[in-house]
Amino acid sequence: MAHQLTPTYPKLKQSYVPGVLETQVEIWNARVDVKYFKIEVTDVDWNPVPFITTDKILELNYLSRKNIEIFLPDDTSATYICTKSLIQKGNSYKSIISSKVCSKIK
């Protein structure tokens, strides 16, 4: 089982800072073999776009949830918010499959 990212279609709204949009997503870790995740924001062609969040790599234990607040400029071309599982070097589990889950911005 992979991790989950909700909502599937997050909405951008004006933040308290002029010229900055914000949204929130929640990640849930359903993988016992993974506890680190990388946050990515991309455009329609999967190119990275600039964004700000507290941690671009976060630690999340098995069956834990975490809310992620993401800030983007008003003129952003962002289309997808993604989280990618990071496999630790020397992982003793048999699975070495990385998972990537994305939500499409409305």
N, C-alpha and C. Protein backbone atom coordinates (compact mmCIF):
# COMPACT_ATOMS: atom_id res chain seq x y z
N MET A 1 0.84 -1.18 0.00
CA MET A 1 0.00 0.00 0.00
C MET A 1 0.89 1.25 0.00
N ALA A 2 0.48 2.26 -0.73
CA ALA A 2 1.23 3.51 -0.81
C ALA A 2 0.75 4.50 0.25
N HIS A 3 1.32 5.68 0.23
CA HIS A 3 0.83 6.74 1.10
C HIS A 3 -0.33 7.46 0.41
N GLN A 4 -1.03 8.32 1.14
CA GLN A 4 -2.17 9.04 0.58
C GLN A 4 -1.97 10.53 0.73
N LEU A 5 -2.54 11.28 -0.22
CA LEU A 5 -2.50 12.74 -0.19
C LEU A 5 -3.92 13.23 -0.46
N THR A 6 -4.46 14.01 0.48
CA THR A 6 -5.82 14.54 0.31
C THR A 6 -5.83 16.03 0.58
N PRO A 7 -6.72 16.80 -0.01
CA PRO A 7 -7.74 16.39 -0.96
C PRO A 7 -7.14 16.07 -2.32
N THR A 8 -7.93 15.39 -3.15
CA THR A 8 -7.48 15.04 -4.49
C THR A 8 -7.36 16.29 -5.36
N TYR A 9 -8.24 17.26 -5.13
CA TYR A 9 -8.23 18.51 -5.90
C TYR A 9 -8.19 19.71 -4.95
N PRO A 10 -7.01 20.05 -4.42
CA PRO A 10 -6.95 21.20 -3.51
C PRO A 10 -7.22 22.51 -4.25
N LYS A 11 -7.78 23.46 -3.52
CA LYS A 11 -8.07 24.78 -4.09
C LYS A 11 -7.11 25.80 -3.53
N LEU A 12 -6.66 26.71 -4.39
CA LEU A 12 -5.80 27.81 -3.95
C LEU A 12 -6.68 28.95 -3.47
N LYS A 13 -6.25 29.61 -2.40
CA LYS A 13 -6.95 30.80 -1.92
C LYS A 13 -5.91 31.86 -1.56
N GLN A 14 -6.37 33.09 -1.51
CA GLN A 14 -5.47 34.19 -1.16
C GLN A 14 -5.00 34.02 0.28
N SER A 15 -3.71 34.15 0.51
CA SER A 15 -3.19 34.05 1.88
C SER A 15 -3.26 35.43 2.54
N TYR A 16 -2.80 35.50 3.75
CA TYR A 16 -2.76 36.77 4.47
C TYR A 16 -1.67 37.69 3.94
N VAL A 17 -0.78 37.16 3.08
CA VAL A 17 0.29 37.96 2.47
C VAL A 17 -0.15 38.36 1.06
N PRO A 18 -0.15 39.64 0.72
CA PRO A 18 -0.53 40.06 -0.63
C PRO A 18 0.37 39.42 -1.70
N GLY A 19 -0.24 38.95 -2.79
CA GLY A 19 0.54 38.36 -3.89
C GLY A 19 0.90 36.90 -3.67
N VAL A 20 0.37 36.29 -2.61
CA VAL A 20 0.70 34.90 -2.29
C VAL A 20 -0.59 34.10 -2.12
N LEU A 21 -0.63 32.93 -2.77
CA LEU A 21 -1.74 32.01 -2.64
C LEU A 21 -1.35 30.88 -1.69
N GLU A 22 -2.34 30.25 -1.09
CA GLU A 22 -2.05 29.13 -0.18
C GLU A 22 -3.05 28.01 -0.35
N THR A 23 -2.63 26.83 0.05
CA THR A 23 -3.50 25.67 0.11
C THR A 23 -2.97 24.72 1.17
N GLN A 24 -3.79 23.77 1.55
CA GLN A 24 -3.38 22.76 2.52
C GLN A 24 -3.71 21.38 1.98
N VAL A 25 -2.80 20.44 2.21
CA VAL A 25 -3.05 19.04 1.90
C VAL A 25 -2.65 18.22 3.13
N GLU A 26 -3.15 17.01 3.19
CA GLU A 26 -2.82 16.12 4.29
C GLU A 26 -2.21 14.85 3.72
N ILE A 27 -1.10 14.42 4.30
CA ILE A 27 -0.45 13.18 3.90
C ILE A 27 -0.66 12.15 4.99
N TRP A 28 -0.88 10.90 4.57
CA TRP A 28 -1.03 9.78 5.49
C TRP A 28 -0.08 8.69 5.05
N ASN A 29 0.74 8.20 5.96
CA ASN A 29 1.73 7.18 5.64
C ASN A 29 1.18 5.78 5.92
N ALA A 30 0.94 5.02 4.86
CA ALA A 30 0.46 3.65 4.99
C ALA A 30 1.58 2.64 4.73
N ARG A 31 2.81 3.12 4.70
CA ARG A 31 3.95 2.24 4.42
C ARG A 31 4.82 2.07 5.66
N VAL A 32 4.94 0.84 6.11
CA VAL A 32 5.76 0.54 7.28
C VAL A 32 7.25 0.70 6.96
N ASP A 33 7.63 0.57 5.68
CA ASP A 33 9.03 0.61 5.28
C ASP A 33 9.54 2.01 4.92
N VAL A 34 8.70 3.03 5.02
CA VAL A 34 9.08 4.39 4.63
C VAL A 34 8.68 5.37 5.72
N LYS A 35 9.56 6.34 6.01
CA LYS A 35 9.16 7.38 6.96
C LYS A 35 9.58 8.78 6.52
N TYR A 36 10.16 8.90 5.33
CA TYR A 36 10.51 10.22 4.81
C TYR A 36 9.83 10.44 3.47
N PHE A 37 9.32 11.67 3.28
CA PHE A 37 8.61 12.03 2.07
C PHE A 37 9.08 13.40 1.58
N LYS A 38 9.14 13.56 0.27
CA LYS A 38 9.54 14.82 -0.35
C LYS A 38 8.31 15.46 -0.98
N ILE A 39 8.15 16.76 -0.78
CA ILE A 39 7.03 17.50 -1.35
C ILE A 39 7.51 18.18 -2.63
N GLU A 40 6.72 18.06 -3.69
CA GLU A 40 7.05 18.68 -4.98
C GLU A 40 5.81 19.39 -5.50
N VAL A 41 6.02 20.50 -6.21
CA VAL A 41 4.95 21.20 -6.91
C VAL A 41 5.41 21.37 -8.35
N THR A 42 4.53 20.97 -9.31
CA THR A 42 4.92 21.00 -10.71
C THR A 42 3.84 21.67 -11.57
N ASP A 43 4.23 22.02 -12.80
CA ASP A 43 3.27 22.58 -13.75
C ASP A 43 2.63 21.44 -14.55
N VAL A 44 1.87 21.78 -15.55
CA VAL A 44 1.13 20.79 -16.34
C VAL A 44 2.08 19.83 -17.06
N ASP A 45 3.30 20.26 -17.36
CA ASP A 45 4.30 19.42 -18.04
C ASP A 45 5.25 18.74 -17.06
N TRP A 46 4.92 18.75 -15.77
CA TRP A 46 5.69 18.12 -14.70
C TRP A 46 7.04 18.78 -14.43
N ASN A 47 7.16 20.06 -14.82
CA ASN A 47 8.36 20.83 -14.49
C ASN A 47 8.18 21.43 -13.09
N PRO A 48 9.23 21.45 -12.27
CA PRO A 48 9.10 22.03 -10.92
C PRO A 48 8.78 23.51 -10.96
N VAL A 49 7.95 23.97 -10.03
CA VAL A 49 7.65 25.39 -9.88
C VAL A 49 7.99 25.80 -8.45
N PRO A 50 8.33 27.08 -8.26
CA PRO A 50 8.71 27.54 -6.91
C PRO A 50 7.52 27.53 -5.95
N PHE A 51 7.78 27.12 -4.72
CA PHE A 51 6.78 27.13 -3.66
C PHE A 51 7.48 27.20 -2.32
N ILE A 52 6.72 27.51 -1.31
CA ILE A 52 7.26 27.57 0.05
C ILE A 52 6.40 26.72 0.95
N THR A 53 7.05 25.96 1.81
CA THR A 53 6.39 25.17 2.84
C THR A 53 7.36 25.04 4.01
N THR A 54 6.88 24.59 5.13
CA THR A 54 7.75 24.47 6.30
C THR A 54 8.91 23.53 6.05
N ASP A 55 8.61 22.34 5.55
CA ASP A 55 9.63 21.33 5.28
C ASP A 55 9.39 20.71 3.92
N LYS A 56 10.38 20.73 3.04
CA LYS A 56 10.22 20.09 1.73
C LYS A 56 10.48 18.59 1.82
N ILE A 57 11.19 18.17 2.84
CA ILE A 57 11.33 16.75 3.17
C ILE A 57 10.83 16.60 4.59
N LEU A 58 9.87 15.70 4.77
CA LEU A 58 9.30 15.55 6.10
C LEU A 58 9.37 14.11 6.57
N GLU A 59 9.46 13.97 7.88
CA GLU A 59 9.47 12.66 8.51
C GLU A 59 8.06 12.35 8.99
N LEU A 60 7.58 11.17 8.62
CA LEU A 60 6.22 10.77 8.97
C LEU A 60 6.22 9.28 9.27
N ASN A 61 5.96 8.93 10.51
CA ASN A 61 5.97 7.54 10.92
C ASN A 61 4.77 6.78 10.34
N TYR A 62 4.88 5.47 10.35
CA TYR A 62 3.84 4.57 9.85
C TYR A 62 2.49 4.87 10.51
N LEU A 63 1.45 4.99 9.70
CA LEU A 63 0.06 5.28 10.09
C LEU A 63 -0.14 6.67 10.69
N SER A 64 0.82 7.56 10.51
CA SER A 64 0.69 8.94 10.98
C SER A 64 0.19 9.84 9.85
N ARG A 65 -0.39 10.98 10.26
CA ARG A 65 -0.89 11.99 9.32
C ARG A 65 -0.21 13.32 9.61
N LYS A 66 -0.13 14.14 8.57
CA LYS A 66 0.43 15.48 8.77
C LYS A 66 -0.21 16.44 7.77
N ASN A 67 -0.61 17.62 8.25
CA ASN A 67 -1.11 18.68 7.38
C ASN A 67 0.07 19.47 6.85
N ILE A 68 0.01 19.78 5.57
CA ILE A 68 1.08 20.53 4.91
C ILE A 68 0.48 21.81 4.34
N GLU A 69 1.02 22.93 4.72
CA GLU A 69 0.60 24.23 4.19
C GLU A 69 1.58 24.63 3.10
N ILE A 70 1.06 24.97 1.92
CA ILE A 70 1.89 25.31 0.76
C ILE A 70 1.53 26.70 0.28
N PHE A 71 2.57 27.50 0.04
CA PHE A 71 2.40 28.88 -0.43
C PHE A 71 3.00 29.02 -1.82
N LEU A 72 2.26 29.71 -2.71
CA LEU A 72 2.66 29.90 -4.10
C LEU A 72 2.45 31.36 -4.50
N PRO A 73 3.25 31.87 -5.45
CA PRO A 73 3.01 33.24 -5.92
C PRO A 73 1.70 33.32 -6.70
N ASP A 74 1.09 34.52 -6.74
CA ASP A 74 -0.18 34.73 -7.45
C ASP A 74 -0.13 34.26 -8.91
N ASP A 75 1.00 34.47 -9.57
CA ASP A 75 1.12 34.15 -10.99
C ASP A 75 1.67 32.74 -11.24
N THR A 76 1.44 31.85 -10.32
CA THR A 76 1.99 30.50 -10.40
C THR A 76 1.40 29.70 -11.57
N SER A 77 2.22 28.81 -12.10
CA SER A 77 1.76 27.88 -13.13
C SER A 77 1.56 26.48 -12.53
N ALA A 78 1.50 26.41 -11.21
CA ALA A 78 1.39 25.12 -10.51
C ALA A 78 0.11 24.39 -10.90
N THR A 79 0.24 23.10 -11.17
CA THR A 79 -0.88 22.25 -11.51
C THR A 79 -1.00 21.06 -10.56
N TYR A 80 0.15 20.54 -10.12
CA TYR A 80 0.15 19.35 -9.26
C TYR A 80 0.94 19.58 -7.97
N ILE A 81 0.44 19.04 -6.88
CA ILE A 81 1.18 18.94 -5.62
C ILE A 81 1.41 17.46 -5.40
N CYS A 82 2.67 17.08 -5.25
CA CYS A 82 3.01 15.66 -5.15
C CYS A 82 3.84 15.39 -3.90
N THR A 83 3.73 14.17 -3.42
CA THR A 83 4.60 13.68 -2.36
C THR A 83 5.23 12.39 -2.86
N LYS A 84 6.52 12.27 -2.62
CA LYS A 84 7.27 11.10 -3.08
C LYS A 84 7.93 10.45 -1.88
N SER A 85 7.77 9.14 -1.75
CA SER A 85 8.41 8.43 -0.64
C SER A 85 9.90 8.32 -0.92
N LEU A 86 10.69 8.48 0.13
CA LEU A 86 12.15 8.40 0.02
C LEU A 86 12.61 7.14 0.74
N ILE A 87 13.32 6.31 0.02
CA ILE A 87 13.82 5.06 0.58
C ILE A 87 15.18 5.32 1.22
N GLN A 88 15.33 4.91 2.47
CA GLN A 88 16.59 5.10 3.18
C GLN A 88 17.63 4.10 2.71
N LYS A 89 18.86 4.56 2.59
CA LYS A 89 19.96 3.67 2.24
C LYS A 89 20.13 2.66 3.36
N GLY A 90 20.32 1.41 3.00
CA GLY A 90 20.48 0.37 4.01
C GLY A 90 19.17 -0.11 4.60
N ASN A 91 18.07 0.20 3.93
CA ASN A 91 16.74 -0.23 4.39
C ASN A 91 16.71 -1.75 4.50
N SER A 92 16.31 -2.27 5.63
CA SER A 92 16.30 -3.72 5.86
C SER A 92 15.04 -4.40 5.32
N TYR A 93 14.08 -3.63 4.84
CA TYR A 93 12.86 -4.22 4.28
C TYR A 93 13.12 -4.69 2.86
N LYS A 94 12.36 -5.68 2.43
CA LYS A 94 12.54 -6.25 1.10
C LYS A 94 12.09 -5.29 0.00
N SER A 95 11.08 -4.46 0.28
CA SER A 95 10.54 -3.53 -0.71
C SER A 95 11.46 -2.33 -0.87
N ILE A 96 11.81 -2.02 -2.11
CA ILE A 96 12.58 -0.81 -2.37
C ILE A 96 11.85 0.04 -3.42
N ILE A 97 10.54 -0.07 -3.44
CA ILE A 97 9.72 0.66 -4.40
C ILE A 97 9.33 2.01 -3.81
N SER A 98 9.64 3.05 -4.56
CA SER A 98 9.27 4.40 -4.15
C SER A 98 7.89 4.70 -4.73
N SER A 99 7.05 5.40 -3.97
CA SER A 99 5.72 5.77 -4.46
C SER A 99 5.61 7.28 -4.58
N LYS A 100 4.86 7.73 -5.58
CA LYS A 100 4.62 9.16 -5.79
C LYS A 100 3.12 9.35 -5.95
N VAL A 101 2.57 10.23 -5.13
CA VAL A 101 1.13 10.50 -5.15
C VAL A 101 0.93 11.98 -5.39
N CYS A 102 0.03 12.32 -6.32
CA CYS A 102 -0.19 13.72 -6.67
C CYS A 102 -1.65 14.12 -6.54
N SER A 103 -1.86 15.38 -6.22
CA SER A 103 -3.18 16.01 -6.22
C SER A 103 -3.16 17.12 -7.27
N LYS A 104 -4.24 17.27 -8.02
CA LYS A 104 -4.31 18.29 -9.06
C LYS A 104 -5.00 19.53 -8.51
N ILE A 105 -4.34 20.67 -8.63
CA ILE A 105 -4.87 21.94 -8.12
C ILE A 105 -6.04 22.37 -9.00
N LYS A 106 -7.14 22.76 -8.34
CA LYS A 106 -8.34 23.25 -9.06
C LYS A 106 -8.16 24.70 -9.39
